């Protein structure tokens, strides 16, 4: 398809939005449709309303007519976040503390109750399309055994967007019915060559168009985009030829715009079906964007400016997520006066399940949740209901150590890291403001080497030209170079220019003991203050250790492979049309299921 974007048209106020106050939800009418859209590896500075570089008019429209979540947290990588969304529980409780590897007998345990199961109890029709990545050791771990009426997508964590190859195996399944296992689940070989964002967007549109409106709909649309590899049909990428110089960022922009187009098509289908007005639409990332120094080589062009770190880390760049919530006029949830705002109240990905339960009228009181309902906070702008966020651990945290790397923050912004936050540890650069980087004292140009971490003068100095900036550097003892931000006429004097294009690290890569930041006043985590606030360190250390003491381990769960399951042998799992495939391989009796 081309790069044409279909606007969702949610910005024209419905007459019901002009009321001066909101009726209680139960008095408004039928429970709302819930459309839960998850982007993969989206950075803080990627969507249009933040980057002003990549065109995302449909996401922007949701933000302009809904609520942008400013202090919203997710896990540092994909599987833990998705498991947290689905269960309302922290990773140390649902056991999926890291991304799930293909062919290993790890999965979200079957004793966990998932979001579609609770919504199904309240009368919702639940359908899923896109990325699963919660394990597929047994058929019972796959989506249609866990509350969804259908699933079209891939079971694993990443693959080629066109061939749907994940390493040696093909991974694209069509599970058209509930409990669709062996003999029902179909290898979607006919989808080979079709771009996955188009597949999932169209499937979501089909679900809406075929929906029986006598029941509310729960649609889980979990895009592969914008995860690596950096791939997109050329027309989407080429739309940015004149505005984005970096080829990887340009491809990434096309990937994001393609996803935004799909979101617009889904909301257009909802409107045509007369469902949009009584819908809640949530858009969230699963973690921060990987940056060029991220371990694993999964950088695809995302940007987390001005935050520190990225995917795989528990720095803010890996865990502070982009999210938007929108509610249609007929829901009675969001008054006109509260639309288009940014909410500063603390929220976590574990909060979506209890929030959706409250919207649906589902009883989730018996579940051992870490999340809390944010309905009033999001839609009525009431005071915060969450007092802390437990970050969990980053990818390479050595859990065998007593003080393995994890973090917690409170409502006042105090964030404690036990040891450090993981790799990458540097900062992203704002790619949209025209940074120009030079070396002193000769001021020889060093294009795209911006060194955002190495300021001699915190906050920089005013400079109306590059010449003034060069002069400021020359007159400052210890200046090795400068960064001149032409759009803001600001000069940043540097003590070193040793860094990489796009971002760079500063300081050591690890610490001893605790690190303390206040991420309300210092969201970029540049000023470590543990020595001046020992009382805060002591309080938060005690709290994080108390949480860690509640950790759960389940054989066959997220950390410990199921000892009763054989090793996956790809040669034993094939399809004549595509060769080797990924699929469940461990068969158990009902009594053996975990």
Protein backbone atom coordinates (compact mmCIF):
# COMPACT_ATOMS: atom_id res chain seq x y z
CA UNK A 1 0.00 0.00 0.00
CA UNK A 2 0.97 3.62 -0.38
CA UNK A 3 1.81 6.15 2.31
CA UNK A 4 -1.67 7.69 2.34
CA UNK A 5 -2.93 8.06 5.89
CA UNK A 6 -6.61 7.81 6.82
CA UNK A 7 -7.51 10.25 9.59
CA UNK A 8 -9.76 8.86 12.28
CA UNK A 9 -11.90 11.97 12.60
CA UNK A 10 -12.43 11.84 16.35
CA UNK A 11 -11.88 15.54 16.91
CA UNK A 12 -15.38 16.83 16.09
CA UNK A 13 -17.20 16.97 19.46
CA UNK A 14 -20.34 14.89 19.73
CA UNK A 15 -23.23 16.79 21.43
CA UNK A 16 -22.99 14.43 24.40
CA UNK A 17 -19.46 15.69 25.04
CA UNK A 18 -20.72 19.18 25.85
CA UNK A 19 -22.25 18.25 29.20
CA UNK A 20 -20.81 20.08 32.16
CA UNK A 21 -20.30 16.97 34.27
CA UNK A 22 -20.13 13.23 33.76
CA UNK A 23 -22.82 10.79 34.74
CA UNK A 24 -21.71 7.69 36.64
CA UNK A 25 -20.57 5.14 34.10
CA UNK A 26 -23.33 2.62 34.85
CA UNK A 27 -25.93 5.25 34.00
CA UNK A 28 -24.51 5.99 30.57
CA UNK A 29 -25.31 2.75 28.79
CA UNK A 30 -23.70 -0.43 27.52
CA UNK A 31 -20.12 -1.27 28.53
CA UNK A 32 -17.67 0.26 26.06
CA UNK A 33 -15.78 -1.58 23.38
CA UNK A 34 -12.13 -1.76 24.44
CA UNK A 35 -9.48 -1.42 21.73
CA UNK A 36 -6.03 -2.15 23.16
CA UNK A 37 -3.23 -1.31 20.71
CA UNK A 38 0.37 -2.18 21.56
CA UNK A 39 3.36 -0.91 19.59
CA UNK A 40 6.66 -2.78 19.83
CA UNK A 41 9.88 -0.95 20.78
CA UNK A 42 8.50 2.57 20.33
CA UNK A 43 10.78 5.31 21.67
CA UNK A 44 9.77 8.30 23.78
CA UNK A 45 10.62 10.73 20.95
CA UNK A 46 9.07 8.91 17.98
CA UNK A 47 5.35 9.70 17.68
CA UNK A 48 4.49 12.88 15.86
CA UNK A 49 3.20 14.86 18.84
CA UNK A 50 6.64 14.51 20.45
CA UNK A 51 9.19 14.20 17.63
CA UNK A 52 7.54 16.65 15.19
CA UNK A 53 9.51 14.66 12.64
CA UNK A 54 7.51 11.47 11.96
CA UNK A 55 3.93 11.82 10.77
CA UNK A 56 1.47 9.94 13.01
CA UNK A 57 -1.77 11.90 12.48
CA UNK A 58 -4.05 9.17 13.85
CA UNK A 59 -2.11 8.65 17.07
CA UNK A 60 -1.81 12.43 17.36
CA UNK A 61 -5.58 12.79 16.95
CA UNK A 62 -6.16 10.36 19.80
CA UNK A 63 -3.76 12.43 21.91
CA UNK A 64 -5.36 15.74 20.98
CA UNK A 65 -8.84 14.49 21.84
CA UNK A 66 -7.85 12.13 24.65
CA UNK A 67 -5.26 11.87 27.40
CA UNK A 68 -1.46 11.56 27.05
CA UNK A 69 0.14 9.61 29.88
CA UNK A 70 3.29 11.42 31.01
CA UNK A 71 4.46 9.30 33.96
CA UNK A 72 3.52 5.88 32.68
CA UNK A 73 5.85 2.88 33.04
CA UNK A 74 6.29 -0.45 31.30
CA UNK A 75 8.88 -3.21 31.59
CA UNK A 76 12.25 -2.95 29.85
CA UNK A 77 11.58 -5.67 27.24
CA UNK A 78 8.64 -7.19 25.43
CA UNK A 79 7.51 -10.45 27.08
CA UNK A 80 7.51 -9.05 30.64
CA UNK A 81 5.42 -6.05 29.55
CA UNK A 82 2.91 -8.17 27.63
CA UNK A 83 2.55 -10.57 30.54
CA UNK A 84 2.08 -7.59 32.87
CA UNK A 85 -0.60 -6.08 30.61
CA UNK A 86 -2.45 -9.40 30.47
CA UNK A 87 -2.26 -10.31 34.18
CA UNK A 88 -2.13 -6.97 36.02
CA UNK A 89 0.91 -8.30 37.89
CA UNK A 90 4.60 -7.45 38.12
CA UNK A 91 7.07 -9.80 36.42
CA UNK A 92 8.42 -11.12 39.71
CA UNK A 93 4.90 -12.44 40.37
CA UNK A 94 3.87 -13.75 36.93
CA UNK A 95 7.45 -15.09 36.43
CA UNK A 96 8.11 -13.67 32.93
CA UNK A 97 11.07 -11.48 33.90
CA UNK A 98 12.84 -11.50 30.51
CA UNK A 99 11.94 -11.98 26.86
CA UNK A 100 11.01 -15.58 26.00
CA UNK A 101 13.38 -17.39 23.67
CA UNK A 102 12.04 -19.56 20.81
CA UNK A 103 12.01 -23.29 21.35
CA UNK A 104 12.53 -23.10 25.12
CA UNK A 105 9.94 -24.53 27.47
CA UNK A 106 9.09 -21.20 29.09
CA UNK A 107 5.70 -19.50 29.03
CA UNK A 108 3.32 -17.39 31.07
CA UNK A 109 2.05 -19.94 33.62
CA UNK A 110 -1.42 -21.37 33.08
CA UNK A 111 -2.50 -20.51 36.61
CA UNK A 112 -2.46 -16.84 35.64
CA UNK A 113 -5.82 -15.28 34.75
CA UNK A 114 -5.61 -13.09 31.67
CA UNK A 115 -7.38 -9.93 30.60
CA UNK A 116 -9.56 -11.55 27.87
CA UNK A 117 -10.74 -14.22 30.33
CA UNK A 118 -12.02 -11.61 32.79
CA UNK A 119 -13.58 -9.50 30.04
CA UNK A 120 -15.13 -12.64 28.56
CA UNK A 121 -16.81 -13.31 31.90
CA UNK A 122 -18.37 -9.85 31.60
CA UNK A 123 -19.82 -10.66 28.17
CA UNK A 124 -17.09 -9.35 25.88
CA UNK A 125 -16.06 -10.97 22.58
CA UNK A 126 -12.25 -11.01 22.71
CA UNK A 127 -10.07 -11.27 19.61
CA UNK A 128 -6.33 -10.86 19.14
CA UNK A 129 -4.04 -10.20 16.23
CA UNK A 130 -0.31 -9.55 16.01
CA UNK A 131 2.51 -10.55 18.32
CA UNK A 132 1.94 -12.99 21.20
CA UNK A 133 5.36 -13.62 22.81
CA UNK A 134 3.94 -15.15 25.99
CA UNK A 135 5.12 -18.65 25.22
CA UNK A 136 3.84 -21.63 23.27
CA UNK A 137 5.33 -24.66 25.01
CA UNK A 138 1.89 -26.34 24.92
CA UNK A 139 -1.20 -25.48 22.92
CA UNK A 140 -2.76 -24.42 26.21
CA UNK A 141 -0.30 -21.50 26.31
CA UNK A 142 -1.52 -20.05 22.99
CA UNK A 143 -4.02 -17.16 22.71
CA UNK A 144 -7.25 -19.05 21.96
CA UNK A 145 -6.81 -21.16 25.09
CA UNK A 146 -6.38 -18.03 27.19
CA UNK A 147 -9.56 -16.14 26.52
CA UNK A 148 -9.40 -15.02 22.90
CA UNK A 149 -12.00 -16.22 20.37
CA UNK A 150 -9.50 -15.96 17.51
CA UNK A 151 -5.86 -15.13 16.81
CA UNK A 152 -3.97 -14.23 13.64
CA UNK A 153 -0.32 -13.53 14.24
CA UNK A 154 2.97 -14.98 15.41
CA UNK A 155 3.70 -16.80 18.64
CA UNK A 156 7.29 -15.63 19.06
CA UNK A 157 9.03 -12.31 19.60
CA UNK A 158 10.45 -11.15 16.30
CA UNK A 159 10.78 -12.10 12.66
CA UNK A 160 11.07 -10.84 9.11
CA UNK A 161 8.12 -8.55 8.30
CA UNK A 162 7.60 -10.06 4.85
CA UNK A 163 8.75 -13.70 4.97
CA UNK A 164 7.68 -14.25 8.61
CA UNK A 165 10.82 -16.27 9.19
CA UNK A 166 12.11 -16.25 12.77
CA UNK A 167 15.56 -17.79 12.52
CA UNK A 168 15.13 -21.24 10.98
CA UNK A 169 11.35 -21.37 11.31
CA UNK A 170 8.23 -19.78 9.83
CA UNK A 171 5.95 -18.17 12.44
CA UNK A 172 2.52 -16.96 11.31
CA UNK A 173 -0.60 -18.71 12.56
CA UNK A 174 -4.32 -18.47 11.97
CA UNK A 175 -6.26 -19.79 14.97
CA UNK A 176 -9.90 -19.08 14.00
CA UNK A 177 -11.72 -20.52 17.01
CA UNK A 178 -11.56 -20.84 20.77
CA UNK A 179 -9.21 -23.59 22.07
CA UNK A 180 -7.79 -23.88 18.58
CA UNK A 181 -4.91 -26.31 18.95
CA UNK A 182 -3.58 -29.25 17.02
CA UNK A 183 -5.82 -30.00 14.05
CA UNK A 184 -7.37 -26.51 14.19
CA UNK A 185 -4.47 -24.05 14.19
CA UNK A 186 -3.33 -23.28 10.66
CA UNK A 187 0.11 -22.32 9.40
CA UNK A 188 -0.67 -19.09 7.52
CA UNK A 189 1.72 -19.88 4.66
CA UNK A 190 -0.40 -17.82 2.27
CA UNK A 191 0.72 -14.72 4.16
CA UNK A 192 4.35 -15.14 3.10
CA UNK A 193 5.41 -11.97 1.29
CA UNK A 194 2.71 -9.82 2.91
CA UNK A 195 3.88 -7.02 5.22
CA UNK A 196 2.89 -7.84 8.78
CA UNK A 197 1.59 -4.37 9.69
CA UNK A 198 -0.86 -4.64 6.80
CA UNK A 199 -1.86 -8.15 7.88
CA UNK A 200 -2.65 -7.15 11.44
CA UNK A 201 -4.36 -3.87 10.54
CA UNK A 202 -6.62 -5.60 8.03
CA UNK A 203 -7.42 -8.42 10.44
CA UNK A 204 -8.41 -5.85 13.06
CA UNK A 205 -10.67 -4.13 10.51
CA UNK A 206 -12.23 -7.50 9.61
CA UNK A 207 -12.90 -8.25 13.30
CA UNK A 208 -14.70 -4.93 13.67
CA UNK A 209 -16.72 -5.36 10.49
CA UNK A 210 -17.79 -8.90 11.45
CA UNK A 211 -18.56 -8.10 15.08
CA UNK A 212 -22.01 -8.72 16.55
CA UNK A 213 -22.74 -5.34 18.12
CA UNK A 214 -25.10 -6.87 20.68
CA UNK A 215 -21.94 -7.69 22.64
CA UNK A 216 -19.04 -5.40 23.54
CA UNK A 217 -15.75 -6.03 21.74
CA UNK A 218 -12.30 -6.43 23.25
CA UNK A 219 -9.72 -6.13 20.48
CA UNK A 220 -6.04 -6.73 21.27
CA UNK A 221 -4.01 -5.36 18.36
CA UNK A 222 -0.34 -6.06 19.10
CA UNK A 223 1.74 -4.77 16.21
CA UNK A 224 5.14 -6.15 15.27
CA UNK A 225 6.08 -2.58 14.35
CA UNK A 226 8.39 -0.88 15.11
CA UNK A 227 10.60 -3.76 16.26
CA UNK A 228 13.70 -4.71 14.29
CA UNK A 229 14.40 -5.63 11.53
CA UNK A 230 14.02 -2.22 9.92
CA UNK A 231 11.73 -3.11 7.01
CA UNK A 232 8.86 -1.32 5.31
CA UNK A 233 7.38 -1.04 1.80
CA UNK A 234 9.36 1.59 -0.08
CA UNK A 235 6.48 4.07 -0.48
CA UNK A 236 6.29 4.64 3.28
CA UNK A 237 10.05 5.14 3.62
CA UNK A 238 10.33 7.36 0.56
CA UNK A 239 7.76 9.78 1.96
CA UNK A 240 10.59 10.96 4.26
CA UNK A 241 13.35 11.25 1.64
CA UNK A 242 13.30 15.04 1.78
CA UNK A 243 13.05 15.42 5.55
CA UNK A 244 15.08 12.66 7.25
CA UNK A 245 18.71 12.25 6.23
CA UNK A 246 19.60 9.18 8.29
CA UNK A 247 18.53 6.11 6.27
CA UNK A 248 17.75 3.97 9.32
CA UNK A 249 15.63 6.68 10.91
CA UNK A 250 13.93 7.21 7.55
CA UNK A 251 12.97 3.52 7.31
CA UNK A 252 11.84 3.60 10.92
CA UNK A 253 9.64 6.62 10.17
CA UNK A 254 8.01 4.68 7.35
CA UNK A 255 7.37 1.73 9.68
CA UNK A 256 5.72 3.99 12.25
CA UNK A 257 3.64 5.82 9.65
CA UNK A 258 2.43 2.49 8.26
CA UNK A 259 1.30 1.44 11.73
CA UNK A 260 -0.40 4.79 12.24
CA UNK A 261 -2.23 4.33 8.95
CA UNK A 262 -3.47 0.96 10.20
CA UNK A 263 -4.73 2.50 13.43
CA UNK A 264 -6.62 5.05 11.38
CA UNK A 265 -8.18 2.27 9.31
CA UNK A 266 -9.32 0.47 12.46
CA UNK A 267 -10.92 3.57 13.97
CA UNK A 268 -12.53 4.33 10.61
CA UNK A 269 -14.04 0.82 10.63
CA UNK A 270 -15.29 1.38 14.18
CA UNK A 271 -16.97 4.61 13.13
CA UNK A 272 -18.56 2.98 10.07
CA UNK A 273 -19.94 0.23 12.32
CA UNK A 274 -21.29 2.89 14.75
CA UNK A 275 -19.01 1.48 17.47
CA UNK A 276 -16.42 4.23 17.88
CA UNK A 277 -18.56 6.54 20.00
CA UNK A 278 -18.94 3.81 22.61
CA UNK A 279 -15.28 2.71 22.55
CA UNK A 280 -12.22 3.22 24.69
CA UNK A 281 -9.00 3.20 22.66
CA UNK A 282 -5.66 2.72 24.40
CA UNK A 283 -2.35 2.98 22.55
CA UNK A 284 0.84 1.99 24.37
CA UNK A 285 4.36 0.85 23.73
CA UNK A 286 5.67 -2.32 25.37
CA UNK A 287 9.02 -0.75 26.30
CA UNK A 288 11.30 2.11 25.35
CA UNK A 289 13.08 2.15 22.03
CA UNK A 290 16.45 0.45 21.54
CA UNK A 291 19.23 2.86 20.63
CA UNK A 292 22.34 2.30 18.52
CA UNK A 293 24.41 1.02 21.46
CA UNK A 294 21.69 -1.36 22.70
CA UNK A 295 22.83 -4.95 23.30
CA UNK A 296 21.40 -7.54 20.95
CA UNK A 297 21.64 -5.44 17.80
CA UNK A 298 17.90 -4.64 17.74
CA UNK A 299 18.20 -0.91 17.05
CA UNK A 300 15.85 -0.01 14.19
CA UNK A 301 15.93 3.81 14.35
CA UNK A 302 13.98 4.70 17.50
CA UNK A 303 14.81 7.66 19.73
CA UNK A 304 14.18 8.31 23.44
CA UNK A 305 15.22 11.98 23.69
CA UNK A 306 15.71 13.38 26.26
CA UNK A 307 15.66 10.25 28.41
CA UNK A 308 18.59 8.08 29.43
CA UNK A 309 19.05 4.55 28.10
CA UNK A 310 16.63 2.48 26.09
CA UNK A 311 15.13 -0.95 25.69
CA UNK A 312 16.80 -3.61 27.88
CA UNK A 313 17.47 -1.06 30.65
CA UNK A 314 15.68 0.22 33.72
CA UNK A 315 16.81 3.76 32.99
CA UNK A 316 13.85 5.98 32.09
CA UNK A 317 14.48 5.54 28.35
CA UNK A 318 13.76 1.83 28.65
CA UNK A 319 10.76 1.98 30.95
CA UNK A 320 8.94 5.31 30.70
CA UNK A 321 6.44 4.51 28.00
CA UNK A 322 4.53 6.41 25.37
CA UNK A 323 0.78 5.91 25.85
CA UNK A 324 -2.52 7.59 24.99
CA UNK A 325 -6.06 6.85 26.21
CA UNK A 326 -9.19 8.03 24.37
CA UNK A 327 -12.89 7.54 25.08
CA UNK A 328 -15.81 8.11 22.72
CA UNK A 329 -18.60 10.52 23.56
CA UNK A 330 -21.22 7.86 24.25
CA UNK A 331 -19.12 6.28 26.97
CA UNK A 332 -19.71 9.33 29.15
CA UNK A 333 -16.18 8.93 30.47
CA UNK A 334 -14.28 11.96 29.20
CA UNK A 335 -15.67 15.47 29.41
CA UNK A 336 -14.77 17.98 26.73
CA UNK A 337 -12.86 20.10 29.26
CA UNK A 338 -10.52 17.19 30.02
CA UNK A 339 -9.69 16.24 26.45
CA UNK A 340 -6.28 17.03 25.02
CA UNK A 341 -4.52 17.05 28.37
CA UNK A 342 -1.36 15.37 29.61
CA UNK A 343 -1.81 13.56 32.91
CA UNK A 344 1.07 13.61 35.41
CA UNK A 345 -0.37 10.91 37.69
CA UNK A 346 1.77 7.81 38.11
CA UNK A 347 0.65 4.74 36.14
CA UNK A 348 2.07 1.31 35.27
CA UNK A 349 1.29 -1.29 32.61
CA UNK A 350 -0.10 -3.54 35.35
CA UNK A 351 -2.96 -1.05 35.74
CA UNK A 352 -4.61 -1.82 32.39
CA UNK A 353 -6.27 -5.06 33.53
CA UNK A 354 -8.02 -3.57 36.59
CA UNK A 355 -8.84 -0.44 34.57
CA UNK A 356 -10.50 -2.49 31.84
CA UNK A 357 -12.26 -4.61 34.47
CA UNK A 358 -13.74 -1.44 35.95
CA UNK A 359 -14.87 -0.22 32.53
CA UNK A 360 -16.42 -3.58 31.70
CA UNK A 361 -18.10 -4.15 35.03
CA UNK A 362 -16.00 -7.30 35.50
CA UNK A 363 -15.20 -8.49 39.00
CA UNK A 364 -11.42 -8.74 39.36
CA UNK A 365 -11.36 -8.41 43.14
CA UNK A 366 -10.22 -11.99 43.71
CA UNK A 367 -7.12 -11.62 41.53
CA UNK A 368 -3.76 -11.00 43.26
CA UNK A 369 -3.10 -7.79 41.34
CA UNK A 370 -0.21 -5.36 41.46
CA UNK A 371 -2.20 -3.00 39.27
CA UNK A 372 -4.93 -0.55 40.29
CA UNK A 373 -7.84 0.85 38.32
CA UNK A 374 -6.98 4.18 36.72
CA UNK A 375 -10.45 4.93 35.32
CA UNK A 376 -11.02 8.02 37.48
CA UNK A 377 -7.44 9.22 37.17
CA UNK A 378 -7.44 8.94 33.38
CA UNK A 379 -10.90 10.16 32.56
CA UNK A 380 -11.88 12.40 35.49
CA UNK A 381 -8.42 13.76 36.39
CA UNK A 382 -8.73 12.73 40.04
CA UNK A 383 -5.76 12.47 42.37
CA UNK A 384 -3.20 9.72 41.84
CA UNK A 385 -4.08 6.20 42.97
CA UNK A 386 -0.59 4.72 42.53
CA UNK A 387 2.18 5.60 44.97
CA UNK A 388 5.10 3.66 43.48
CA UNK A 389 6.40 1.74 40.48
CA UNK A 390 8.58 -1.35 40.75
CA UNK A 391 10.74 -1.49 37.62
CA UNK A 392 11.98 -5.05 37.94
CA UNK A 393 15.36 -5.96 36.53
CA UNK A 394 17.10 -5.13 33.27
CA UNK A 395 18.22 -7.73 30.74
CA UNK A 396 21.67 -8.53 32.07
CA UNK A 397 21.01 -8.19 35.80
CA UNK A 398 22.89 -10.92 37.71
CA UNK A 399 20.09 -12.27 39.85
CA UNK A 400 22.40 -14.59 41.78
CA UNK A 401 23.84 -11.53 43.50
CA UNK A 402 22.20 -10.32 46.71
CA UNK A 403 21.66 -6.83 45.34
CA UNK A 404 20.91 -7.59 41.72
CA UNK A 405 20.07 -4.61 39.56
CA UNK A 406 16.48 -3.50 39.97
CA UNK A 407 14.75 -0.20 40.68
CA UNK A 408 11.77 1.45 42.32
CA UNK A 409 10.34 4.97 42.24
CA UNK A 410 7.77 6.72 44.40
CA UNK A 411 5.17 9.36 43.68
CA UNK A 412 7.56 12.16 44.66
CA UNK A 413 9.93 11.10 41.89
CA UNK A 414 12.60 9.42 44.02
CA UNK A 415 14.08 6.54 42.02
CA UNK A 416 16.46 4.04 43.57
CA UNK A 417 18.53 1.68 41.45
CA UNK A 418 20.27 -1.22 43.17
CA UNK A 419 23.68 -1.07 41.51
CA UNK A 420 22.84 0.39 38.06
CA UNK A 421 20.37 0.48 35.19
CA UNK A 422 21.92 -1.71 32.51
CA UNK A 423 23.06 -1.18 28.93
CA UNK A 424 22.73 1.11 27.05
CA UNK A 425 23.38 3.84 29.58
CA UNK A 426 23.64 6.94 27.35
CA UNK A 427 21.21 9.59 26.19
CA UNK A 428 19.42 10.07 22.90
CA UNK A 429 19.81 13.29 20.92
CA UNK A 430 16.87 15.29 19.64
CA UNK A 431 17.12 14.52 15.94
CA UNK A 432 14.56 17.12 14.91
CA UNK A 433 16.20 20.35 16.10
CA UNK A 434 19.16 20.73 13.75
CA UNK A 435 22.11 19.89 15.98
CA UNK A 436 25.49 20.94 14.60
CA UNK A 437 28.64 19.65 16.23
CA UNK A 438 32.09 21.17 16.00
CA UNK A 439 35.53 20.65 17.52
CA UNK A 440 37.52 23.40 19.28
CA UNK A 441 39.66 25.40 19.23
CA UNK A 442 39.82 25.28 15.42
CA UNK A 443 36.08 24.58 15.16
CA UNK A 444 36.57 21.87 12.57
CA UNK A 445 33.18 20.37 11.73
CA UNK A 446 32.38 16.94 13.17
CA UNK A 447 28.96 16.18 11.65
CA UNK A 448 26.51 14.08 13.67
CA UNK A 449 28.79 13.77 16.69
CA UNK A 450 26.74 15.54 19.29
CA UNK A 451 27.96 14.27 22.67
CA UNK A 452 24.91 15.23 24.75
CA UNK A 453 26.38 13.99 28.02
CA UNK A 454 29.59 15.93 28.35
CA UNK A 455 28.56 19.47 29.31
CA UNK A 456 31.07 21.67 31.08
CA UNK A 457 28.34 24.24 31.72
CA UNK A 458 25.08 22.58 32.68
CA UNK A 459 22.23 23.98 30.60
CA UNK A 460 24.55 25.66 28.11
CA UNK A 461 24.82 29.34 27.22
CA UNK A 462 22.97 31.60 24.79
CA UNK A 463 24.65 32.11 21.42
CA UNK A 464 23.18 33.79 18.37
CA UNK A 465 25.61 32.10 15.99
CA UNK A 466 28.08 29.26 15.68
CA UNK A 467 30.88 31.80 15.86
CA UNK A 468 29.71 32.90 19.31
CA UNK A 469 29.52 29.27 20.39
CA UNK A 470 33.04 28.61 19.17
CA UNK A 471 34.25 31.72 21.04
CA UNK A 472 32.55 30.52 24.24
CA UNK A 473 34.33 27.19 23.92
CA UNK A 474 37.70 28.79 23.23
CA UNK A 475 37.33 31.01 26.31
CA UNK A 476 36.30 28.16 28.64
CA UNK A 477 39.07 26.22 30.37
CA UNK A 478 38.86 22.51 29.58
CA UNK A 479 36.60 22.87 26.54
CA UNK A 480 37.20 20.16 23.95
CA UNK A 481 34.33 21.16 21.68
CA UNK A 482 30.79 22.36 21.54
CA UNK A 483 27.33 21.48 20.33
CA UNK A 484 25.34 24.31 18.78
CA UNK A 485 21.57 23.99 18.64
CA UNK A 486 20.69 26.41 15.91
CA UNK A 487 16.91 26.28 16.39
CA UNK A 488 17.19 27.36 20.04
CA UNK A 489 20.36 29.46 19.63
CA UNK A 490 21.93 27.53 22.49
CA UNK A 491 25.58 26.60 22.91
CA UNK A 492 26.65 23.53 24.91
CA UNK A 493 30.31 23.59 25.91
CA UNK A 494 31.85 20.08 26.18
CA UNK A 495 34.71 18.63 28.19
CA UNK A 496 35.14 15.80 25.66
CA UNK A 497 33.99 14.98 22.16
CA UNK A 498 34.53 11.24 22.34
CA UNK A 499 31.14 9.74 21.59
CA UNK A 500 29.09 8.00 18.94
CA UNK A 501 26.69 9.36 16.39
CA UNK A 502 23.28 9.82 17.90
CA UNK A 503 24.12 9.41 21.55
CA UNK A 504 26.99 8.60 23.89
CA UNK A 505 27.61 7.18 27.33
CA UNK A 506 29.25 9.01 30.19
CA UNK A 507 30.73 7.83 33.43
CA UNK A 508 31.37 4.23 34.36
CA UNK A 509 29.10 1.44 33.17
CA UNK A 510 28.42 0.19 36.69
CA UNK A 511 28.36 1.40 40.26
CA UNK A 512 28.71 -0.04 43.71
CA UNK A 513 25.68 0.18 45.99
CA UNK A 514 22.62 2.30 45.28
CA UNK A 515 22.00 5.08 42.79
CA UNK A 516 19.38 7.72 43.58
CA UNK A 517 17.74 10.19 41.22
CA UNK A 518 14.66 12.34 41.40
CA UNK A 519 13.05 11.72 38.03
CA UNK A 520 10.39 14.39 38.56
CA UNK A 521 12.98 17.17 38.77
CA UNK A 522 15.71 15.30 36.86
CA UNK A 523 13.89 13.13 34.29
CA UNK A 524 17.10 12.64 32.31
CA UNK A 525 18.83 10.97 35.29
CA UNK A 526 21.92 13.15 35.11
CA UNK A 527 22.31 14.04 38.80
CA UNK A 528 22.95 11.15 41.18
CA UNK A 529 22.13 12.27 44.75
CA UNK A 530 22.30 9.20 47.02
CA UNK A 531 24.99 10.73 49.25
CA UNK A 532 22.79 13.70 50.15
CA UNK A 533 19.59 11.70 50.79
CA UNK A 534 20.55 8.63 52.84
CA UNK A 535 17.09 8.50 54.41
CA UNK A 536 15.45 8.10 51.00
CA UNK A 537 17.97 5.43 50.03
CA UNK A 538 17.23 3.52 53.23
CA UNK A 539 13.45 3.78 52.80
CA UNK A 540 13.39 2.71 49.15
CA UNK A 541 15.94 -0.05 49.69
CA UNK A 542 13.74 -1.57 52.35
CA UNK A 543 10.72 -1.33 50.08
CA UNK A 544 12.37 -2.88 47.02
CA UNK A 545 13.80 -5.70 49.12
CA UNK A 546 10.35 -6.39 50.56
CA UNK A 547 8.95 -6.66 47.04
CA UNK A 548 11.78 -8.90 45.89
CA UNK A 549 11.02 -11.25 48.79
CA UNK A 550 7.61 -11.97 47.18
CA UNK A 551 9.16 -13.35 43.98
CA UNK A 552 7.47 -16.44 42.51
CA UNK A 553 9.16 -19.27 40.58
CA UNK A 554 7.10 -21.73 38.54
CA UNK A 555 8.72 -24.59 36.57
CA UNK A 556 7.80 -24.00 32.96
CA UNK A 557 7.08 -20.33 33.71
CA UNK A 558 9.15 -17.41 32.53
CA UNK A 559 12.48 -18.28 34.16
CA UNK A 560 12.73 -22.04 34.80
CA UNK A 561 12.14 -24.26 31.73
CA UNK A 562 9.62 -27.06 32.13
CA UNK A 563 11.72 -30.12 33.07
CA UNK A 564 9.07 -32.47 31.69
CA UNK A 565 9.20 -31.05 28.17
CA UNK A 566 11.67 -32.32 25.55
CA UNK A 567 14.00 -30.06 23.61
CA UNK A 568 12.39 -28.46 20.57
CA UNK A 569 13.55 -30.18 17.38
CA UNK A 570 12.81 -27.97 14.36
CA UNK A 571 13.15 -30.82 11.88
CA UNK A 572 10.14 -32.49 13.51
CA UNK A 573 7.94 -29.42 12.95
CA UNK A 574 7.52 -28.63 9.27
CA UNK A 575 4.95 -27.51 6.73
CA UNK A 576 5.29 -28.54 3.06
CA UNK A 577 4.76 -24.93 1.91
CA UNK A 578 7.25 -23.11 4.15
CA UNK A 579 9.55 -25.77 5.66
CA UNK A 580 10.39 -25.61 9.36
CA UNK A 581 7.88 -23.87 11.60
CA UNK A 582 7.53 -22.78 15.22
CA UNK A 583 4.64 -24.37 17.10
CA UNK A 584 3.80 -25.98 20.48
CA UNK A 585 5.65 -29.25 21.02
CA UNK A 586 5.11 -30.43 24.59
CA UNK A 587 2.01 -32.55 25.20
CA UNK A 588 0.72 -33.07 28.73
CA UNK A 589 -2.32 -34.48 30.40
CA UNK A 590 -4.76 -32.06 32.01
CA UNK A 591 -3.43 -32.97 35.45
CA UNK A 592 0.12 -32.11 34.40
CA UNK A 593 -0.66 -28.63 33.09
CA UNK A 594 0.98 -25.71 34.94
